[in-house]
Amino acid sequence: MWGSGRTPYSATGAGKHPHTTRMESKGRAPHSTRKEDDMASDYWLIVGLGNPGAKYRGTRHNIGFMTVNELAQRWSVHFANHKGLADLGKGVMALNGRNVKMFLCKPLTYMNDSGNAVASIRDYYRINTDHIVVIHDDMDLEFGRIKLKSGGSAGGHNGIKSIDRCLHTPDYARVRMGVGHASRSGDAHDNTINWVLGEFNAAQRKQLPEFLADGADAAESIVFDGLTKAQATFNAR
């Protein structure tokens, strides 16, 4: 999140990425027919940021993965591998008498290279940037707070920096999910790494299912209600 390098999240270190263990179903990436390509602008892409592998599953930095899993459960979406870059699932959301086609994505590139996965899916399925929603952790917000935005600064988040760079624009919707701030005393860089790669405390774990449901609601609201209306609902909480 805040740091540099190609290692998990943005921590320092070297070596190959650890083997990914996933519970989601395996298979070929969602197939794109010519008809689907021609209609690609109808699709939304909802991306949850995180690091792959059991080691990182319950960490603060993986709250984007967790929220996308909540959406997948709601809408019966199953994941398959997209070019080794992401777990990708395709489905339909049905709310308020409307059906919306969407992809759910969990990049497998590790946080710092998330943009490679997002750009690949956007280009392959011809998804408009204004139909992209990215869900990620945010240390500038207290746990349980959600803020929605489009564009602007990456706020030091390396996953967002990577997406901005690969999409050549910051103008996509973001669901910022608060995880609280690391200690400001001592070594700030080490504190940040340990914080985002750490797990939620016992009290937060009890609240986490409701928080993830709120994050999923926020992503759905962006898709169905538009960003401005969704901001009015969630940013004031």
Protein backbone atom coordinates (compact mmCIF):
# COMPACT_ATOMS: atom_id res chain seq x y z
CA MET A 1 0.00 0.00 0.00
CA TRP A 2 2.55 2.53 1.12
CA GLY A 3 5.99 1.43 -0.01
CA SER A 4 7.83 0.15 -3.02
CA GLY A 5 8.80 -3.06 -4.76
CA ARG A 6 7.11 -6.02 -6.30
CA THR A 7 6.77 -8.08 -3.14
CA PRO A 8 3.45 -8.83 -1.39
CA TYR A 9 1.53 -5.61 -0.76
CA SER A 10 4.49 -3.30 -0.95
CA ALA A 11 6.78 -4.73 1.64
CA THR A 12 10.49 -5.09 1.07
CA GLY A 13 12.06 -8.43 0.27
CA ALA A 14 13.10 -10.65 -2.58
CA GLY A 15 12.32 -13.97 -4.17
CA LYS A 16 9.56 -15.48 -6.15
CA HIS A 17 5.96 -14.92 -5.27
CA PRO A 18 4.58 -17.68 -3.03
CA HIS A 19 2.25 -20.19 -4.62
CA THR A 20 -1.35 -19.02 -4.48
CA THR A 21 -3.92 -21.15 -2.68
CA ARG A 22 -7.48 -20.21 -3.53
CA MET A 23 -10.87 -21.54 -2.56
CA GLU A 24 -12.55 -20.24 -5.67
CA SER A 25 -13.33 -22.56 -8.55
CA LYS A 26 -10.66 -22.99 -11.20
CA GLY A 27 -11.03 -23.09 -14.94
CA ARG A 28 -10.67 -21.05 -18.05
CA ALA A 29 -11.17 -17.32 -18.02
CA PRO A 30 -14.69 -16.16 -18.85
CA HIS A 31 -15.01 -16.59 -22.61
CA SER A 32 -15.61 -13.53 -24.74
CA THR A 33 -17.60 -14.00 -27.93
CA ARG A 34 -17.79 -11.47 -30.72
CA LYS A 35 -21.29 -10.50 -29.62
CA GLU A 36 -20.05 -9.89 -26.07
CA ASP A 37 -17.11 -7.84 -27.36
CA ASP A 38 -19.48 -5.64 -29.34
CA MET A 39 -21.55 -5.10 -26.19
CA ALA A 40 -18.57 -4.72 -23.86
CA SER A 41 -19.41 -1.16 -22.85
CA ASP A 42 -22.45 -2.59 -21.06
CA TYR A 43 -20.22 -4.46 -18.61
CA TRP A 44 -19.00 -3.13 -15.29
CA LEU A 45 -15.71 -4.24 -13.77
CA ILE A 46 -15.58 -4.33 -9.98
CA VAL A 47 -12.06 -4.90 -8.66
CA GLY A 48 -11.10 -5.76 -5.10
CA LEU A 49 -7.44 -5.19 -4.24
CA GLY A 50 -5.34 -7.53 -2.13
CA ASN A 51 -2.55 -10.09 -2.17
CA PRO A 52 -3.11 -13.72 -3.22
CA GLY A 53 -2.46 -16.68 -0.96
CA ALA A 54 -3.64 -17.97 2.39
CA LYS A 55 -0.93 -16.01 4.20
CA TYR A 56 -2.62 -12.70 3.40
CA ARG A 57 -6.26 -13.75 3.44
CA GLY A 58 -7.32 -12.09 6.71
CA THR A 59 -5.12 -8.99 6.55
CA ARG A 60 -6.27 -5.39 6.41
CA HIS A 61 -4.69 -5.01 2.98
CA ASN A 62 -7.02 -7.70 1.62
CA ILE A 63 -10.30 -6.04 2.48
CA GLY A 64 -10.87 -5.44 -1.24
CA PHE A 65 -10.67 -9.20 -1.90
CA MET A 66 -13.05 -9.81 1.01
CA THR A 67 -15.61 -7.34 -0.31
CA VAL A 68 -15.51 -8.81 -3.81
CA ASN A 69 -16.03 -12.24 -2.24
CA GLU A 70 -19.14 -10.82 -0.58
CA LEU A 71 -20.42 -9.64 -3.96
CA ALA A 72 -19.61 -13.01 -5.52
CA GLN A 73 -21.63 -14.78 -2.86
CA ARG A 74 -24.57 -12.42 -3.32
CA TRP A 75 -24.72 -12.84 -7.08
CA SER A 76 -23.53 -16.46 -7.40
CA VAL A 77 -20.37 -15.56 -9.30
CA HIS A 78 -17.64 -18.17 -9.70
CA PHE A 79 -14.03 -17.26 -10.39
CA ALA A 80 -11.68 -18.56 -13.07
CA ASN A 81 -8.15 -17.60 -13.99
CA HIS A 82 -7.64 -14.72 -16.43
CA LYS A 83 -4.24 -15.06 -18.15
CA GLY A 84 -2.53 -15.76 -14.82
CA LEU A 85 -3.19 -12.15 -13.83
CA ALA A 86 -6.47 -12.34 -11.90
CA ASP A 87 -9.29 -14.40 -10.56
CA LEU A 88 -12.19 -13.21 -12.70
CA GLY A 89 -15.89 -14.00 -12.57
CA LYS A 90 -18.82 -12.89 -14.70
CA GLY A 91 -22.40 -12.42 -13.59
CA VAL A 92 -25.49 -10.25 -13.50
CA MET A 93 -26.69 -7.99 -10.70
CA ALA A 94 -30.44 -7.42 -10.49
CA LEU A 95 -31.70 -4.51 -8.39
CA ASN A 96 -34.60 -2.10 -8.66
CA GLY A 97 -35.95 -3.79 -11.77
CA ARG A 98 -32.65 -3.47 -13.64
CA ASN A 99 -30.14 -6.10 -14.71
CA VAL A 100 -26.48 -5.10 -14.96
CA LYS A 101 -23.75 -7.31 -16.42
CA MET A 102 -20.50 -7.24 -14.49
CA PHE A 103 -17.13 -8.82 -13.89
CA LEU A 104 -15.67 -9.32 -10.43
CA CYS A 105 -11.89 -9.26 -10.27
CA LYS A 106 -9.21 -10.13 -7.71
CA PRO A 107 -5.73 -9.41 -9.15
CA LEU A 108 -3.13 -12.14 -8.58
CA THR A 109 -0.21 -9.82 -9.38
CA TYR A 110 0.32 -8.69 -5.79
CA MET A 111 -0.68 -5.23 -4.77
CA ASN A 112 2.02 -3.17 -6.46
CA ASP A 113 1.21 -4.54 -9.93
CA SER A 114 -2.59 -4.55 -9.68
CA GLY A 115 -2.84 -2.29 -12.70
CA ASN A 116 -1.51 -5.00 -15.02
CA ALA A 117 -4.51 -7.18 -14.24
CA VAL A 118 -7.05 -4.36 -14.42
CA ALA A 119 -5.73 -3.02 -17.74
CA SER A 120 -5.66 -6.51 -19.26
CA ILE A 121 -9.30 -7.14 -18.40
CA ARG A 122 -10.39 -3.66 -19.48
CA ASP A 123 -8.69 -4.06 -22.85
CA TYR A 124 -9.76 -7.67 -23.45
CA TYR A 125 -13.43 -6.99 -22.75
CA ARG A 126 -13.43 -3.37 -23.96
CA ILE A 127 -14.76 -2.01 -20.70
CA ASN A 128 -15.11 1.74 -20.39
CA THR A 129 -13.07 3.31 -17.61
CA ASP A 130 -16.21 4.96 -16.23
CA HIS A 131 -17.55 1.42 -15.71
CA ILE A 132 -14.68 0.43 -13.39
CA VAL A 133 -15.01 0.36 -9.59
CA VAL A 134 -11.98 -0.40 -7.40
CA ILE A 135 -12.40 -1.41 -3.75
CA HIS A 136 -9.37 -1.00 -1.48
CA ASP A 137 -8.16 -0.43 2.06
CA ASP A 138 -7.49 3.11 3.27
CA MET A 139 -5.43 4.00 6.34
CA ASP A 140 -6.70 7.58 6.36
CA LEU A 141 -10.16 6.37 7.40
CA GLU A 142 -11.10 4.76 10.68
CA PHE A 143 -12.22 1.16 10.60
CA GLY A 144 -15.84 0.98 9.45
CA ARG A 145 -15.79 4.24 7.47
CA ILE A 146 -16.36 4.23 3.71
CA LYS A 147 -15.64 7.05 1.28
CA LEU A 148 -16.39 7.01 -2.43
CA LYS A 149 -14.52 9.05 -5.01
CA SER A 150 -13.32 9.19 -8.58
CA GLY A 151 -9.98 10.59 -9.67
CA GLY A 152 -7.61 12.54 -7.48
CA SER A 153 -4.59 11.36 -5.54
CA ALA A 154 -3.74 7.72 -4.93
CA GLY A 155 -3.18 8.66 -1.30
CA GLY A 156 0.08 6.71 -1.17
CA HIS A 157 -1.65 3.42 -2.06
CA ASN A 158 0.61 1.49 -4.42
CA GLY A 159 -2.21 -0.62 -5.83
CA ILE A 160 -4.05 2.54 -6.88
CA LYS A 161 -0.83 4.06 -8.25
CA SER A 162 -0.36 0.97 -10.40
CA ILE A 163 -3.91 1.14 -11.74
CA ASP A 164 -3.60 4.86 -12.48
CA ARG A 165 -0.39 4.20 -14.38
CA CYS A 166 -1.69 1.24 -16.39
CA LEU A 167 -5.05 2.82 -17.24
CA HIS A 168 -3.36 6.18 -17.98
CA THR A 169 -6.03 7.89 -15.86
CA PRO A 170 -7.23 8.08 -12.25
CA ASP A 171 -10.80 8.69 -13.39
CA TYR A 172 -12.51 5.52 -12.21
CA ALA A 173 -14.68 5.02 -9.13
CA ARG A 174 -13.09 3.96 -5.85
CA VAL A 175 -14.60 2.49 -2.70
CA ARG A 176 -12.18 3.45 0.08
CA MET A 177 -12.66 1.19 3.10
CA GLY A 178 -11.15 2.39 6.35
CA VAL A 179 -8.71 0.18 8.23
CA GLY A 180 -7.35 2.81 10.63
CA HIS A 181 -3.83 4.19 10.83
CA ALA A 182 -0.62 2.56 11.96
CA SER A 183 1.30 3.95 14.92
CA ARG A 184 2.94 7.26 14.07
CA SER A 185 5.84 6.70 16.46
CA GLY A 186 9.06 4.91 15.58
CA ASP A 187 9.75 3.77 12.02
CA ALA A 188 6.74 4.91 10.00
CA HIS A 189 7.51 2.67 7.02
CA ASP A 190 7.86 -0.50 9.09
CA ASN A 191 4.78 0.40 11.12
CA THR A 192 2.76 0.79 7.94
CA ILE A 193 3.87 -2.55 6.52
CA ASN A 194 3.16 -4.37 9.75
CA TRP A 195 -0.24 -2.67 10.04
CA VAL A 196 -1.63 -3.37 6.59
CA LEU A 197 -0.25 -6.93 6.59
CA GLY A 198 -1.65 -7.50 10.06
CA GLU A 199 -5.07 -8.91 10.88
CA PHE A 200 -8.06 -7.12 12.34
CA ASN A 201 -8.43 -7.20 16.11
CA ALA A 202 -11.11 -9.27 17.83
CA ALA A 203 -13.63 -6.44 18.07
CA GLN A 204 -13.16 -5.53 14.41
CA ARG A 205 -13.53 -9.14 13.31
CA LYS A 206 -16.97 -9.18 14.89
CA GLN A 207 -17.94 -6.07 12.91
CA LEU A 208 -16.21 -7.17 9.70
CA PRO A 209 -19.17 -9.01 8.06
CA GLU A 210 -21.34 -5.89 8.36
CA PHE A 211 -18.50 -3.68 7.09
CA LEU A 212 -17.94 -5.92 4.07
CA ALA A 213 -21.67 -5.88 3.35
CA ASP A 214 -21.59 -2.07 3.47
CA GLY A 215 -18.66 -2.03 1.03
CA ALA A 216 -20.54 -4.32 -1.33
CA ASP A 217 -23.61 -2.10 -1.01
CA ALA A 218 -21.47 0.92 -1.89
CA ALA A 219 -20.13 -0.72 -5.05
CA GLU A 220 -23.65 -1.71 -6.08
CA SER A 221 -24.87 1.83 -5.43
CA ILE A 222 -22.21 3.29 -7.73
CA VAL A 223 -23.33 0.94 -10.50
CA PHE A 224 -27.08 1.39 -10.08
CA ASP A 225 -27.42 4.93 -8.67
CA GLY A 226 -24.35 6.72 -10.01
CA LEU A 227 -21.35 7.99 -8.05
CA THR A 228 -22.86 11.29 -6.90
CA LYS A 229 -25.91 9.70 -5.31
CA ALA A 230 -23.80 6.90 -3.82
CA GLN A 231 -21.46 9.47 -2.28
CA ALA A 232 -24.39 11.24 -0.66
CA THR A 233 -25.42 7.97 0.93
CA PHE A 234 -22.07 6.62 2.12
CA ASN A 235 -19.65 9.53 2.54
CA ALA A 236 -21.69 11.21 5.26
CA ARG A 237 -21.81 8.14 7.51
